[in-house]
Structures are given as C-alpha cells and as structure tokens.
C-alpha cells in the first residue's frame, strides 16, 4: 500500500519489499563501473582531503615565509603526480588484483613482496 500524508507520496514497507523483489528478478539495477574521471576524483579527493587542513601550519612554521611554503606545496604536488603516474602505468602493465603487493611481487620477488605486505 502507498499513501499520501500531504508531505509527499510514500510506499509502505510491504510495497517496498515487493518492488525490490521485482527489480531483482527483472535485472534492473546500476552498472558497477568506475571511469577515468571518477577514479581521478576519488584519488584527488583523498589526497587533498587527508592533508590540506593539517599540514599548512607546520609547513609555514618551518619555512618562515609564504612563498617558500607555496614552493614546497607545488614541489610535493609534482612528486605526488609522478607517483600517481607510476601507479597508473603499473596498473596497466600488471593486470592482476592485489595492488602494490602484486607490483612488488612481480618485480622484486616473493620474499620482498611478503615483507611489504607484512609491514603494511
């Protein structure tokens, strides 16, 4: 059953369960895809979101000038970008699941791969 209480239409629990079962049987749903733009926004968001609010005070305190702290931020951003490009290239060359463990396993061997996984 559904209803309308003046604030909008709504479905009762029983009706929602029936609609959910019908969707599962019919194969209607979202496709689990992640494109290049979505992947880049996730990476950039996690990098910026993790350090942008904590680190500027310490960088400015240690450098003593705004211009030098901006140069350090730009240099750090370039290093991060090069690292991201390296991971992207490894991801294209080594098409196995496991991330950096698989990259180290294939390039340096099982012992170093195990030590990296254990240390993480």
Protein backbone atom coordinates (compact mmCIF):
# COMPACT_ATOMS: atom_id res chain seq x y z
CA UNK A 1 0.00 0.00 0.00
CA UNK A 2 1.09 3.53 -0.58
CA UNK A 3 -0.09 6.71 0.96
CA UNK A 4 -0.02 10.45 0.83
CA UNK A 5 0.13 12.46 4.03
CA UNK A 6 0.35 15.92 2.48
CA UNK A 7 4.15 15.91 2.62
CA UNK A 8 4.61 13.62 -0.35
CA UNK A 9 3.90 10.15 -1.65
CA UNK A 10 5.40 7.23 0.16
CA UNK A 11 5.35 3.44 0.00
CA UNK A 12 4.72 1.16 2.92
CA UNK A 13 7.24 -1.50 3.87
CA UNK A 14 5.28 -4.32 2.28
CA UNK A 15 5.02 -2.49 -1.05
CA UNK A 16 8.71 -1.58 -0.99
CA UNK A 17 9.70 -5.22 -0.50
CA UNK A 18 7.57 -6.30 -3.47
CA UNK A 19 9.09 -3.59 -5.69
CA UNK A 20 12.60 -4.61 -4.61
CA UNK A 21 11.89 -8.28 -5.43
CA UNK A 22 10.53 -7.30 -8.84
CA UNK A 23 13.68 -5.31 -9.60
CA UNK A 24 15.94 -8.23 -8.63
CA UNK A 25 14.04 -10.62 -10.87
CA UNK A 26 13.97 -8.26 -13.85
CA UNK A 27 17.69 -7.48 -13.75
CA UNK A 28 17.20 -3.75 -13.34
CA UNK A 29 19.98 -2.03 -11.43
CA UNK A 30 23.07 0.11 -11.58
CA UNK A 31 26.10 -0.99 -13.54
CA UNK A 32 29.20 -1.28 -11.32
CA UNK A 33 31.50 0.92 -13.39
CA UNK A 34 34.22 3.37 -12.42
CA UNK A 35 35.60 5.50 -15.22
CA UNK A 36 38.76 7.53 -15.53
CA UNK A 37 37.20 10.78 -14.31
CA UNK A 38 35.57 9.12 -11.29
CA UNK A 39 38.82 7.37 -10.37
CA UNK A 40 40.81 10.60 -10.63
CA UNK A 41 38.31 12.50 -8.48
CA UNK A 42 38.47 9.81 -5.78
CA UNK A 43 42.29 9.92 -5.73
CA UNK A 44 42.50 13.72 -5.76
CA UNK A 45 39.80 14.00 -3.11
CA UNK A 46 41.53 11.59 -0.76
CA UNK A 47 44.94 13.25 -1.22
CA UNK A 48 43.62 16.78 -0.72
CA UNK A 49 41.19 15.78 1.99
CA UNK A 50 43.77 13.97 4.10
CA UNK A 51 46.44 16.63 4.42
CA UNK A 52 45.31 20.03 3.29
CA UNK A 53 43.84 21.06 6.64
CA UNK A 54 46.63 19.72 8.86
CA UNK A 55 49.91 20.35 7.05
CA UNK A 56 49.89 24.06 6.02
CA UNK A 57 50.52 25.36 9.52
CA UNK A 58 53.55 23.14 10.04
CA UNK A 59 54.99 23.89 6.60
CA UNK A 60 54.58 27.64 7.10
CA UNK A 61 56.09 27.44 10.58
CA UNK A 62 59.18 25.55 9.39
CA UNK A 63 59.82 27.59 6.23
CA UNK A 64 59.16 31.03 7.68
CA UNK A 65 57.71 32.55 4.50
CA UNK A 66 54.55 32.15 2.46
CA UNK A 67 56.40 31.97 -0.87
CA UNK A 68 58.68 29.16 0.29
CA UNK A 69 55.76 27.18 1.72
CA UNK A 70 53.93 27.52 -1.63
CA UNK A 71 57.02 26.26 -3.46
CA UNK A 72 57.16 23.25 -1.13
CA UNK A 73 53.46 22.54 -1.75
CA UNK A 74 53.93 22.76 -5.52
CA UNK A 75 57.01 20.51 -5.43
CA UNK A 76 55.20 17.99 -3.24
CA UNK A 77 52.26 18.04 -5.63
CA UNK A 78 54.56 17.30 -8.56
CA UNK A 79 56.13 14.36 -6.69
CA UNK A 80 52.65 13.04 -5.89
CA UNK A 81 51.64 13.37 -9.53
CA UNK A 82 54.71 11.43 -10.70
CA UNK A 83 53.90 8.70 -8.16
CA UNK A 84 50.32 8.53 -9.40
CA UNK A 85 51.55 8.19 -12.98
CA UNK A 86 53.86 5.36 -11.92
CA UNK A 87 50.98 3.52 -10.25
CA UNK A 88 48.80 4.07 -13.30
CA UNK A 89 51.47 2.60 -15.57
CA UNK A 90 51.99 -0.38 -13.26
CA UNK A 91 48.24 -0.92 -13.17
CA UNK A 92 48.16 -1.03 -16.96
CA UNK A 93 51.15 -3.35 -17.27
CA UNK A 94 50.35 -5.80 -14.45
CA UNK A 95 46.70 -6.75 -14.75
CA UNK A 96 46.38 -8.78 -11.56
CA UNK A 97 44.48 -7.93 -8.39
CA UNK A 98 46.44 -7.01 -5.29
CA UNK A 99 47.76 -3.50 -5.89
CA UNK A 100 51.26 -2.69 -4.70
CA UNK A 101 51.77 -6.18 -3.28
CA UNK A 102 51.36 -7.63 -6.77
CA UNK A 103 53.65 -5.00 -8.29
CA UNK A 104 56.42 -5.74 -5.78
CA UNK A 105 55.83 -9.50 -6.04
CA UNK A 106 56.25 -9.44 -9.82
CA UNK A 107 59.24 -7.10 -9.85
CA UNK A 108 61.26 -7.98 -6.72
CA UNK A 109 60.15 -11.50 -5.84
CA UNK A 110 58.04 -13.27 -3.22
CA UNK A 111 60.21 -12.51 -0.16
CA UNK A 112 60.21 -8.73 -0.65
CA UNK A 113 56.51 -8.85 -1.55
CA UNK A 114 55.74 -10.70 1.67
CA UNK A 115 57.81 -8.27 3.76
CA UNK A 116 55.98 -5.31 2.17
CA UNK A 117 52.60 -6.88 2.85
CA UNK A 118 53.57 -7.80 6.40
CA UNK A 119 54.93 -4.30 7.14
CA UNK A 120 51.76 -2.67 5.92
